[in-house]
Amino acid sequence: MSDLSFKSFALAKGFRLPVSTVAVAKSLNMHPPPPISMRAMIATAAPFAPSNPGFATMSGLAFFGWFDQAAPPLFQETNPDPLRAATSFEFKLWSSNEILVDDAVLPLSSVLLTNGGMAYSPGVLNGSYKYQITAINSFGSAATPVLTAQFAAPDAAPNIIVTRIGNTNDFQVKGTGFGAWNGQSVLVNADAGLTFIGGPNSVQQSVTVSQGAFTTNVHAAAPCDSSGGSGSPLRFYVSLKNQLGNISNVVTGLSCI
């Protein structure tokens, strides 16, 4: 609202200067008495509140979007009310504990002539948030109500839990948080002592991930025998074929019997 004046308003309405406030008021069907409010006249050119505000997640990003009722409709050449079109939008975002997370003024461009939007990376928006969009032009502003956006927490990190099966060197391995590998095979590793993948002190077992999880039994007799038998420490972790390192936590504290 950097140019809030009767002069700019009258010129925008197509009048030539000098012009009386009465003449401009009558063009707006505002007839005295009562007294003419210059502020009320100028407010007739203020923007509409942004319409259809909403949010969505797509391709790992979270989007907020809205429309300007005064901007040209999509695929149409006529502008329904160019004087009331917003020249910028202010986007505010609060966390659930009322902390202001973002307060940005977004300029319009030819690409965003009919709407505005912002994108956020995953892991930033988790849980419940509040947001509000304000349309701004030279003659005023108008805001949406404060709205709520609920985002699911990010997927849990890949994690395995290992339990011994009876009094044996067989172990049950349960994995969760492997959603990135749904329908794919991962490798469950058990090793004892100093080892390398595929070596005599290591065993690998392929398992297919379904709905982000898996359960499999691992027979660790080979690494136990190769590393000295009873008391040898065991490590369990998940890796990917032809890749070094682990994609899950490493479980220790179990030993051969």
C-alpha atoms as a PDB file:
ATOM      1  CA  MET A   1       0.000   0.000   0.000  1.00  0.00           C
ATOM      2  CA  SER A   2       2.786   2.400  -0.902  1.00  0.00           C
ATOM      3  CA  ASP A   3       0.597   4.669  -3.073  1.00  0.00           C
ATOM      4  CA  LEU A   4      -2.571   5.030  -1.012  1.00  0.00           C
ATOM      5  CA  SER A   5      -3.972   8.374  -2.239  1.00  0.00           C
ATOM      6  CA  PHE A   6      -7.119   9.822  -3.763  1.00  0.00           C
ATOM      7  CA  LYS A   7      -5.090  11.032  -6.752  1.00  0.00           C
ATOM      8  CA  SER A   8      -3.792   7.576  -7.643  1.00  0.00           C
ATOM      9  CA  PHE A   9      -7.245   6.084  -7.080  1.00  0.00           C
ATOM     10  CA  ALA A  10      -8.979   8.633  -9.332  1.00  0.00           C
ATOM     11  CA  LEU A  11      -6.412   8.142 -12.091  1.00  0.00           C
ATOM     12  CA  ALA A  12      -6.749   4.360 -11.802  1.00  0.00           C
ATOM     13  CA  LYS A  13     -10.534   4.740 -12.188  1.00  0.00           C
ATOM     14  CA  GLY A  14      -9.983   6.606 -15.454  1.00  0.00           C
ATOM     15  CA  PHE A  15     -10.647  10.205 -14.308  1.00  0.00           C
ATOM     16  CA  ARG A  16      -8.600  13.147 -15.459  1.00  0.00           C
ATOM     17  CA  LEU A  17      -7.289  15.663 -12.956  1.00  0.00           C
ATOM     18  CA  PRO A  18      -8.551  17.880 -11.519  1.00  0.00           C
ATOM     19  CA  VAL A  19     -11.613  15.951 -10.361  1.00  0.00           C
ATOM     20  CA  SER A  20     -13.867  16.367  -7.328  1.00  0.00           C
ATOM     21  CA  THR A  21     -14.383  13.706  -4.694  1.00  0.00           C
ATOM     22  CA  VAL A  22     -18.144  14.048  -5.302  1.00  0.00           C
ATOM     23  CA  ALA A  23     -17.768  13.113  -8.969  1.00  0.00           C
ATOM     24  CA  VAL A  24     -15.697  10.053  -8.112  1.00  0.00           C
ATOM     25  CA  ALA A  25     -18.092   9.082  -5.328  1.00  0.00           C
ATOM     26  CA  LYS A  26     -21.110   9.275  -7.640  1.00  0.00           C
ATOM     27  CA  SER A  27     -19.375   6.939 -10.110  1.00  0.00           C
ATOM     28  CA  LEU A  28     -19.286   4.423  -7.270  1.00  0.00           C
ATOM     29  CA  ASN A  29     -22.967   4.959  -6.396  1.00  0.00           C
ATOM     30  CA  MET A  30     -21.914   6.751  -3.219  1.00  0.00           C
ATOM     31  CA  HIS A  31     -24.192   9.804  -3.026  1.00  0.00           C
ATOM     32  CA  PRO A  32     -23.999  12.459  -0.280  1.00  0.00           C
ATOM     33  CA  PRO A  33     -25.419  12.859   2.251  1.00  0.00           C
ATOM     34  CA  PRO A  34     -24.140  11.118   4.366  1.00  0.00           C
ATOM     35  CA  PRO A  35     -20.630  12.606   4.163  1.00  0.00           C
ATOM     36  CA  ILE A  36     -18.352  10.946   1.621  1.00  0.00           C
ATOM     37  CA  SER A  37     -15.540   8.860   3.119  1.00  0.00           C
ATOM     38  CA  MET A  38     -12.423   9.096   0.995  1.00  0.00           C
ATOM     39  CA  ARG A  39     -11.072   5.982   2.709  1.00  0.00           C
ATOM     40  CA  ALA A  40     -14.242   4.066   1.842  1.00  0.00           C
ATOM     41  CA  MET A  41     -13.911   5.135  -1.795  1.00  0.00           C
ATOM     42  CA  ILE A  42     -10.321   3.994  -2.013  1.00  0.00           C
ATOM     43  CA  ALA A  43     -11.216   0.709  -0.288  1.00  0.00           C
ATOM     44  CA  THR A  44     -13.411  -0.223  -3.272  1.00  0.00           C
ATOM     45  CA  ALA A  45     -10.185  -0.854  -5.174  1.00  0.00           C
ATOM     46  CA  ALA A  46      -8.595  -2.946  -2.408  1.00  0.00           C
ATOM     47  CA  PRO A  47      -7.948  -6.587  -3.332  1.00  0.00           C
ATOM     48  CA  PHE A  48     -10.252  -9.480  -2.647  1.00  0.00           C
ATOM     49  CA  ALA A  49      -9.208 -11.893   0.067  1.00  0.00           C
ATOM     50  CA  PRO A  50      -7.300 -14.792  -1.535  1.00  0.00           C
ATOM     51  CA  SER A  51      -9.715 -17.543  -2.506  1.00  0.00           C
ATOM     52  CA  ASN A  52      -9.453 -21.337  -2.327  1.00  0.00           C
ATOM     53  CA  PRO A  53      -6.426 -21.423  -0.014  1.00  0.00           C
ATOM     54  CA  GLY A  54      -5.072 -24.877   0.575  1.00  0.00           C
ATOM     55  CA  PHE A  55      -2.027 -27.083   0.895  1.00  0.00           C
ATOM     56  CA  ALA A  56      -0.867 -30.393  -0.521  1.00  0.00           C
ATOM     57  CA  THR A  57       2.150 -32.676  -0.584  1.00  0.00           C
ATOM     58  CA  MET A  58       3.671 -33.857  -3.830  1.00  0.00           C
ATOM     59  CA  SER A  59       7.015 -35.362  -4.845  1.00  0.00           C
ATOM     60  CA  GLY A  60       8.502 -34.874  -1.403  1.00  0.00           C
ATOM     61  CA  LEU A  61       7.466 -31.228  -1.082  1.00  0.00           C
ATOM     62  CA  ALA A  62       4.674 -29.439   0.753  1.00  0.00           C
ATOM     63  CA  PHE A  63       2.844 -26.728  -1.198  1.00  0.00           C
ATOM     64  CA  PHE A  64       0.588 -23.838  -0.141  1.00  0.00           C
ATOM     65  CA  GLY A  65      -1.516 -22.216  -2.825  1.00  0.00           C
ATOM     66  CA  TRP A  66      -4.398 -19.781  -3.413  1.00  0.00           C
ATOM     67  CA  PHE A  67      -6.123 -17.725  -6.104  1.00  0.00           C
ATOM     68  CA  ASP A  68      -6.680 -14.015  -6.748  1.00  0.00           C
ATOM     69  CA  GLN A  69     -10.321 -13.413  -7.650  1.00  0.00           C
ATOM     70  CA  ALA A  70      -9.447 -10.216  -9.540  1.00  0.00           C
ATOM     71  CA  ALA A  71      -6.718 -11.753 -11.705  1.00  0.00           C
ATOM     72  CA  PRO A  72      -7.511 -13.117 -15.181  1.00  0.00           C
ATOM     73  CA  PRO A  73      -9.161 -16.540 -15.031  1.00  0.00           C
ATOM     74  CA  LEU A  74      -7.079 -19.351 -16.447  1.00  0.00           C
ATOM     75  CA  PHE A  75      -7.177 -19.563 -20.247  1.00  0.00           C
ATOM     76  CA  GLN A  76      -9.177 -16.342 -20.570  1.00  0.00           C
ATOM     77  CA  GLU A  77      -8.005 -12.976 -21.894  1.00  0.00           C
ATOM     78  CA  THR A  78     -10.382 -10.649 -20.052  1.00  0.00           C
ATOM     79  CA  ASN A  79      -9.574  -9.317 -16.606  1.00  0.00           C
ATOM     80  CA  PRO A  80     -12.698  -9.216 -14.397  1.00  0.00           C
ATOM     81  CA  ASP A  81     -11.440  -6.396 -12.167  1.00  0.00           C
ATOM     82  CA  PRO A  82      -7.884  -5.210 -12.899  1.00  0.00           C
ATOM     83  CA  LEU A  83      -8.042  -2.403 -10.349  1.00  0.00           C
ATOM     84  CA  ARG A  84      -8.557  -4.881  -7.514  1.00  0.00           C
ATOM     85  CA  ALA A  85      -5.852  -7.327  -8.590  1.00  0.00           C
ATOM     86  CA  ALA A  86      -3.244  -7.981  -5.921  1.00  0.00           C
ATOM     87  CA  THR A  87       0.282  -6.801  -6.571  1.00  0.00           C
ATOM     88  CA  SER A  88       1.743  -9.081  -3.890  1.00  0.00           C
ATOM     89  CA  PHE A  89       0.759 -11.633  -1.273  1.00  0.00           C
ATOM     90  CA  GLU A  90       1.957 -11.965   2.309  1.00  0.00           C
ATOM     91  CA  PHE A  91       2.230 -15.557   3.543  1.00  0.00           C
ATOM     92  CA  LYS A  92       2.457 -16.261   7.283  1.00  0.00           C
ATOM     93  CA  LEU A  93       3.014 -19.646   8.893  1.00  0.00           C
ATOM     94  CA  TRP A  94       2.862 -20.469  12.598  1.00  0.00           C
ATOM     95  CA  SER A  95       3.806 -23.660  14.415  1.00  0.00           C
ATOM     96  CA  SER A  96       1.394 -25.304  16.851  1.00  0.00           C
ATOM     97  CA  ASN A  97       2.945 -23.370  19.748  1.00  0.00           C
ATOM     98  CA  GLU A  98       2.184 -20.049  17.973  1.00  0.00           C
ATOM     99  CA  ILE A  99       5.779 -19.387  16.929  1.00  0.00           C
ATOM    100  CA  LEU A 100       5.995 -17.511  13.618  1.00  0.00           C
ATOM    101  CA  VAL A 101       7.871 -19.837  11.273  1.00  0.00           C
ATOM    102  CA  ASP A 102       7.689 -17.774   8.095  1.00  0.00           C
ATOM    103  CA  ASP A 103       6.517 -14.305   7.053  1.00  0.00           C
ATOM    104  CA  ALA A 104       7.213 -13.685   3.377  1.00  0.00           C
ATOM    105  CA  VAL A 105       5.884 -11.184   0.837  1.00  0.00           C
ATOM    106  CA  LEU A 106       5.629 -12.834  -2.564  1.00  0.00           C
ATOM    107  CA  PRO A 107       5.663 -10.616  -5.668  1.00  0.00           C
ATOM    108  CA  LEU A 108       3.473 -11.622  -8.576  1.00  0.00           C
ATOM    109  CA  SER A 109       4.962 -12.560 -11.904  1.00  0.00           C
ATOM    110  CA  SER A 110       3.612 -13.486 -15.310  1.00  0.00           C
ATOM    111  CA  VAL A 111       3.825 -17.114 -14.281  1.00  0.00           C
ATOM    112  CA  LEU A 112       1.929 -16.556 -11.047  1.00  0.00           C
ATOM    113  CA  LEU A 113      -0.556 -14.025 -12.395  1.00  0.00           C
ATOM    114  CA  THR A 114      -3.607 -16.032 -11.345  1.00  0.00           C
ATOM    115  CA  ASN A 115      -2.374 -17.488  -8.079  1.00  0.00           C
ATOM    116  CA  GLY A 116       0.473 -17.658  -5.590  1.00  0.00           C
ATOM    117  CA  GLY A 117       2.273 -20.452  -3.862  1.00  0.00           C
ATOM    118  CA  MET A 118       5.189 -21.589  -1.718  1.00  0.00           C
ATOM    119  CA  ALA A 119       6.926 -24.950  -1.322  1.00  0.00           C
ATOM    120  CA  TYR A 120       8.604 -26.500   1.697  1.00  0.00           C
ATOM    121  CA  SER A 121      10.975 -29.457   1.916  1.00  0.00           C
ATOM    122  CA  PRO A 122       9.939 -32.581   3.840  1.00  0.00           C
ATOM    123  CA  GLY A 123      11.118 -32.812   7.422  1.00  0.00           C
ATOM    124  CA  VAL A 124      10.484 -29.097   7.965  1.00  0.00           C
ATOM    125  CA  LEU A 125       6.713 -29.267   8.279  1.00  0.00           C
ATOM    126  CA  ASN A 126       5.754 -31.947  10.789  1.00  0.00           C
ATOM    127  CA  GLY A 127       2.548 -31.896  12.793  1.00  0.00           C
ATOM    128  CA  SER A 128      -0.025 -29.101  13.032  1.00  0.00           C
ATOM    129  CA  TYR A 129       0.514 -25.585  11.638  1.00  0.00           C
ATOM    130  CA  LYS A 130      -1.526 -22.419  11.089  1.00  0.00           C
ATOM    131  CA  TYR A 131      -1.229 -20.144   8.070  1.00  0.00           C
ATOM    132  CA  GLN A 132      -2.755 -17.009   6.585  1.00  0.00           C
ATOM    133  CA  ILE A 133      -2.482 -15.295   3.197  1.00  0.00           C
ATOM    134  CA  THR A 134      -3.001 -11.560   2.698  1.00  0.00           C
ATOM    135  CA  ALA A 135      -3.555  -9.963  -0.725  1.00  0.00           C
ATOM    136  CA  ILE A 136      -2.021  -6.496  -1.115  1.00  0.00           C
ATOM    137  CA  ASN A 137      -2.256  -3.710  -3.676  1.00  0.00           C
ATOM    138  CA  SER A 138      -1.861   0.059  -3.674  1.00  0.00           C
ATOM    139  CA  PHE A 139      -5.334   0.634  -2.244  1.00  0.00           C
ATOM    140  CA  GLY A 140      -5.545  -1.803   0.633  1.00  0.00           C
ATOM    141  CA  SER A 141      -5.292  -5.431   1.702  1.00  0.00           C
ATOM    142  CA  ALA A 142      -7.523  -8.374   2.540  1.00  0.00           C
ATOM    143  CA  ALA A 143      -6.656 -11.584   4.360  1.00  0.00           C
ATOM    144  CA  THR A 144      -7.989 -15.096   4.659  1.00  0.00           C
ATOM    145  CA  PRO A 145      -8.934 -16.383   8.106  1.00  0.00           C
ATOM    146  CA  VAL A 146      -6.160 -18.151  10.004  1.00  0.00           C
ATOM    147  CA  LEU A 147      -6.263 -21.685   8.608  1.00  0.00           C
ATOM    148  CA  THR A 148      -4.902 -25.033   9.786  1.00  0.00           C
ATOM    149  CA  ALA A 149      -2.543 -27.367   7.934  1.00  0.00           C
ATOM    150  CA  GLN A 150      -1.847 -30.815   9.359  1.00  0.00           C
ATOM    151  CA  PHE A 151       1.216 -32.626   8.087  1.00  0.00           C
ATOM    152  CA  ALA A 152       2.126 -36.183   8.987  1.00  0.00           C
ATOM    153  CA  ALA A 153       5.415 -36.724  10.740  1.00  0.00           C
ATOM    154  CA  PRO A 154       8.208 -37.971   8.466  1.00  0.00           C
ATOM    155  CA  ASP A 155       8.746 -41.676   8.095  1.00  0.00           C
ATOM    156  CA  ALA A 156      10.733 -43.206  10.933  1.00  0.00           C
ATOM    157  CA  ALA A 157      14.386 -43.911  10.213  1.00  0.00           C
ATOM    158  CA  PRO A 158      15.151 -47.496   9.176  1.00  0.00           C
ATOM    159  CA  ASN A 159      15.426 -49.509  12.387  1.00  0.00           C
ATOM    160  CA  ILE A 160      15.924 -53.167  13.239  1.00  0.00           C
ATOM    161  CA  ILE A 161      15.245 -55.140  16.428  1.00  0.00           C
ATOM    162  CA  VAL A 162      17.032 -58.471  16.895  1.00  0.00           C
ATOM    163  CA  THR A 163      16.008 -61.265  19.272  1.00  0.00           C
ATOM    164  CA  ARG A 164      17.533 -64.691  19.783  1.00  0.00           C
ATOM    165  CA  ILE A 165      15.387 -67.714  18.906  1.00  0.00           C
ATOM    166  CA  GLY A 166      15.617 -70.087  21.826  1.00  0.00           C
ATOM    167  CA  ASN A 167      19.040 -71.342  22.933  1.00  0.00           C
ATOM    168  CA  THR A 168      20.491 -71.185  19.434  1.00  0.00           C
ATOM    169  CA  ASN A 169      22.514 -69.035  17.118  1.00  0.00           C
ATOM    170  CA  ASP A 170      19.364 -68.261  15.154  1.00  0.00           C
ATOM    171  CA  PHE A 171      17.942 -64.731  15.409  1.00  0.00           C
ATOM    172  CA  GLN A 172      14.750 -63.007  14.404  1.00  0.00           C
ATOM    173  CA  VAL A 173      15.286 -59.601  12.780  1.00  0.00           C
ATOM    174  CA  LYS A 174      12.369 -57.168  12.504  1.00  0.00           C
ATOM    175  CA  GLY A 175      12.763 -54.038  10.411  1.00  0.00           C
ATOM    176  CA  THR A 176      10.597 -50.895  10.303  1.00  0.00           C
ATOM    177  CA  GLY A 177      10.905 -47.532   8.565  1.00  0.00           C
ATOM    178  CA  PHE A 178      12.093 -49.013   5.251  1.00  0.00           C
ATOM    179  CA  GLY A 179       9.360 -47.346   3.187  1.00  0.00           C
ATOM    180  CA  ALA A 180      11.899 -46.028   0.672  1.00  0.00           C
ATOM    181  CA  TRP A 181      12.595 -49.635  -0.322  1.00  0.00           C
ATOM    182  CA  ASN A 182       9.026 -50.965  -0.562  1.00  0.00           C
ATOM    183  CA  GLY A 183       8.909 -53.936  -2.924  1.00  0.00           C
ATOM    184  CA  GLN A 184      12.705 -54.115  -3.060  1.00  0.00           C
ATOM    185  CA  SER A 185      15.201 -56.502  -1.528  1.00  0.00           C
ATOM    186  CA  VAL A 186      17.553 -55.432   1.243  1.00  0.00           C
ATOM    187  CA  LEU A 187      20.354 -57.434   2.873  1.00  0.00           C
ATOM    188  CA  VAL A 188      20.279 -58.387   6.543  1.00  0.00           C
ATOM    189  CA  ASN A 189      23.839 -58.829   7.805  1.00  0.00           C
ATOM    190  CA  ALA A 190      25.163 -60.726  10.818  1.00  0.00           C
ATOM    191  CA  ASP A 191      28.887 -60.757  11.515  1.00  0.00           C
ATOM    192  CA  ALA A 192      31.243 -61.600  14.325  1.00  0.00           C
ATOM    193  CA  GLY A 193      34.713 -60.261  15.020  1.00  0.00           C
ATOM    194  CA  LEU A 194      36.777 -58.534  12.358  1.00  0.00           C
ATOM    195  CA  THR A 195      35.036 -59.200   9.085  1.00  0.00           C
ATOM    196  CA  PHE A 196      34.238 -57.982   5.618  1.00  0.00           C
ATOM    197  CA  ILE A 197      31.003 -58.397   3.694  1.00  0.00           C
ATOM    198  CA  GLY A 198      30.743 -61.914   2.345  1.00  0.00           C
ATOM    199  CA  GLY A 199      33.735 -63.087   4.397  1.00  0.00           C
ATOM    200  CA  PRO A 200      33.805 -66.191   6.599  1.00  0.00           C
ATOM    201  CA  ASN A 201      32.774 -64.215   9.683  1.00  0.00           C
ATOM    202  CA  SER A 202      29.717 -62.730   7.962  1.00  0.00           C
ATOM    203  CA  VAL A 203      26.367 -63.915   6.696  1.00  0.00           C
ATOM    204  CA  GLN A 204      23.963 -61.963   4.471  1.00  0.00           C
ATOM    205  CA  GLN A 205      20.315 -62.733   3.926  1.00  0.00           C
ATOM    206  CA  SER A 206      18.065 -61.102   1.347  1.00  0.00           C
ATOM    207  CA  VAL A 207      14.550 -60.051   2.378  1.00  0.00           C
ATOM    208  CA  THR A 208      11.836 -58.104   0.532  1.00  0.00           C
ATOM    209  CA  VAL A 209      10.405 -54.984   2.141  1.00  0.00           C
ATOM    210  CA  SER A 210       6.591 -54.737   2.307  1.00  0.00           C
ATOM    211  CA  GLN A 211       4.775 -51.659   3.628  1.00  0.00           C
ATOM    212  CA  GLY A 212       8.051 -50.349   5.004  1.00  0.00           C
ATOM    213  CA  ALA A 213       8.775 -53.423   7.133  1.00  0.00           C
ATOM    214  CA  PHE A 214      10.057 -56.992   7.140  1.00  0.00           C
ATOM    215  CA  THR A 215      10.623 -59.924   9.489  1.00  0.00           C
ATOM    216  CA  THR A 216      13.190 -62.615   8.800  1.00  0.00           C
ATOM    217  CA  ASN A 217      15.196 -65.265  10.643  1.00  0.00           C
ATOM    218  CA  VAL A 218      18.973 -65.272  10.332  1.00  0.00           C
ATOM    219  CA  HIS A 219      21.094 -68.373  10.976  1.00  0.00           C
ATOM    220  CA  ALA A 220      24.396 -67.069  12.390  1.00  0.00           C
ATOM    221  CA  ALA A 221      26.171 -70.425  12.909  1.00  0.00           C
ATOM    222  CA  ALA A 222      28.785 -69.739  10.191  1.00  0.00           C
ATOM    223  CA  PRO A 223      30.121 -66.446  11.602  1.00  0.00           C
ATOM    224  CA  CYS A 224      29.997 -67.860  15.109  1.00  0.00           C
ATOM    225  CA  ASP A 225      32.031 -70.932  14.133  1.00  0.00           C
ATOM    226  CA  SER A 226      34.542 -68.869  12.131  1.00  0.00           C
ATOM    227  CA  SER A 227      35.135 -66.359  14.915  1.00  0.00           C
ATOM    228  CA  GLY A 228      35.734 -68.746  17.795  1.00  0.00           C
ATOM    229  CA  GLY A 229      32.282 -69.849  18.885  1.00  0.00           C
ATOM    230  CA  SER A 230      30.728 -69.076  22.260  1.00  0.00           C
ATOM    231  CA  GLY A 231      31.080 -65.519  23.470  1.00  0.00           C
ATOM    232  CA  SER A 232      32.005 -64.007  20.113  1.00  0.00           C
ATOM    233  CA  PRO A 233      30.192 -60.674  19.711  1.00  0.00           C
ATOM    234  CA  LEU A 234      27.674 -60.337  16.912  1.00  0.00           C
ATOM    235  CA  ARG A 235      26.570 -57.285  14.921  1.00  0.00           C
ATOM    236  CA  PHE A 236      23.383 -57.001  12.900  1.00  0.00           C
ATOM    237  CA  TYR A 237      22.560 -54.330  10.327  1.00  0.00           C
ATOM    238  CA  VAL A 238      20.884 -53.841   6.947  1.00  0.00           C
ATOM    239  CA  SER A 239      22.702 -52.908   3.755  1.00  0.00           C
ATOM    240  CA  LEU A 240      21.989 -52.702   0.026  1.00  0.00           C
ATOM    241  CA  LYS A 241      23.371 -54.922  -2.702  1.00  0.00           C
ATOM    242  CA  ASN A 242      26.660 -53.691  -4.153  1.00  0.00           C
ATOM    243  CA  GLN A 243      26.820 -50.790  -1.678  1.00  0.00           C
ATOM    244  CA  LEU A 244      29.134 -50.352   1.276  1.00  0.00           C
ATOM    245  CA  GLY A 245      27.894 -49.288   4.683  1.00  0.00           C
ATOM    246  CA  ASN A 246      24.571 -49.743   6.445  1.00  0.00           C
ATOM    247  CA  ILE A 247      21.160 -48.150   5.929  1.00  0.00           C
ATOM    248  CA  SER A 248      19.847 -49.117   9.375  1.00  0.00           C
ATOM    249  CA  ASN A 249      21.025 -48.926  12.937  1.00  0.00           C
ATOM    250  CA  VAL A 250      23.665 -51.453  14.045  1.00  0.00           C
ATOM    251  CA  VAL A 251      22.526 -53.844  16.766  1.00  0.00           C
ATOM    252  CA  THR A 252      25.224 -55.134  19.121  1.00  0.00           C
ATOM    253  CA  GLY A 253      25.160 -56.755  22.560  1.00  0.00           C
ATOM    254  CA  LEU A 254      24.324 -60.229  21.311  1.00  0.00           C
ATOM    255  CA  SER A 255      26.934 -62.999  21.221  1.00  0.00           C
ATOM    256  CA  CYS A 256      27.387 -66.508  19.931  1.00  0.00           C
ATOM    257  CA  ILE A 257      26.548 -69.440  22.189  1.00  0.00           C
END
